[in-house]
Amino acid sequence: MNVLILAPEFPPAGGIGTRSYQSARNLVRLGHRVTVLTSRSRKLHRSRQYPGMEVLNLSWPTTVPGG
């Protein structure tokens, strides 16, 4: 199965980043193909590889404009 995980931070720096990494790693161990989309990096379309998963750093707003 292909799985997409959206995470505001990745690789794990604590909190949701750690949980996202653990979930991705466990899904890979079960034989799934995992892609993680994160905004941790400020560079658009820069990607990194982790064993069995692809991590894409995309630029997206982390707050609501005017909020």
Protein backbone atom coordinates (compact mmCIF):
# COMPACT_ATOMS: atom_id res chain seq x y z
CA MET A 1 0.00 0.00 0.00
CA ASN A 2 1.18 3.55 -0.66
CA VAL A 3 0.91 5.79 2.41
CA LEU A 4 1.21 9.59 2.58
CA ILE A 5 2.02 11.26 5.91
CA LEU A 6 1.72 15.04 6.36
CA ALA A 7 3.95 16.34 9.14
CA PRO A 8 4.95 19.91 10.04
CA GLU A 9 8.41 18.65 11.08
CA PHE A 10 10.50 15.71 9.96
CA PRO A 11 12.95 14.12 10.75
CA PRO A 12 12.04 13.77 14.38
CA ALA A 13 12.85 16.79 16.47
CA GLY A 14 10.33 15.83 19.16
CA GLY A 15 6.57 15.75 19.41
CA ILE A 16 4.71 15.21 16.14
CA GLY A 17 7.97 14.75 14.21
CA THR A 18 8.90 11.78 16.37
CA ARG A 19 5.43 10.24 16.09
CA SER A 20 5.39 10.73 12.32
CA TYR A 21 8.80 9.09 11.98
CA GLN A 22 7.80 6.15 14.18
CA SER A 23 4.58 5.65 12.21
CA ALA A 24 6.41 5.83 8.89
CA ARG A 25 9.13 3.43 10.04
CA ASN A 26 6.55 0.92 11.32
CA LEU A 27 4.57 1.09 8.08
CA VAL A 28 7.76 0.45 6.09
CA ARG A 29 8.48 -2.59 8.28
CA LEU A 30 5.03 -3.91 7.37
CA GLY A 31 5.93 -3.62 3.69
CA HIS A 32 4.20 -0.35 2.80
CA ARG A 33 5.68 2.40 0.66
CA VAL A 34 5.71 5.68 2.61
CA THR A 35 6.01 9.29 1.44
CA VAL A 36 6.23 12.09 4.02
CA LEU A 37 5.40 15.70 3.14
CA THR A 38 6.87 18.24 5.55
CA SER A 39 7.45 21.98 5.75
CA ARG A 40 10.48 21.75 8.03
CA SER A 41 12.83 22.98 5.31
CA ARG A 42 12.41 26.40 3.75
CA LYS A 43 13.63 25.14 0.35
CA LEU A 44 10.96 24.13 -2.13
CA HIS A 45 10.97 20.57 -3.50
CA ARG A 46 14.10 19.45 -1.72
CA SER A 47 13.85 15.76 -0.88
CA ARG A 48 15.69 13.32 1.39
CA GLN A 49 15.72 9.55 1.53
CA TYR A 50 15.22 7.39 4.60
CA PRO A 51 15.24 3.59 4.41
CA GLY A 52 12.00 2.59 2.67
CA MET A 53 10.49 6.08 2.64
CA GLU A 54 10.76 9.32 0.73
CA VAL A 55 10.64 12.68 2.52
CA LEU A 56 9.66 15.77 0.52
CA ASN A 57 10.19 19.23 1.99
CA LEU A 58 7.57 21.62 0.62
CA SER A 59 6.92 25.24 1.42
CA TRP A 60 3.45 25.81 2.84
CA PRO A 61 2.10 28.26 5.43
CA THR A 62 2.05 26.95 8.99
CA THR A 63 -0.31 29.65 10.25
CA VAL A 64 -3.59 31.07 8.99
CA PRO A 65 -3.15 34.52 7.37
CA GLY A 66 -4.75 37.18 9.52
CA GLY A 67 -5.17 34.69 12.36
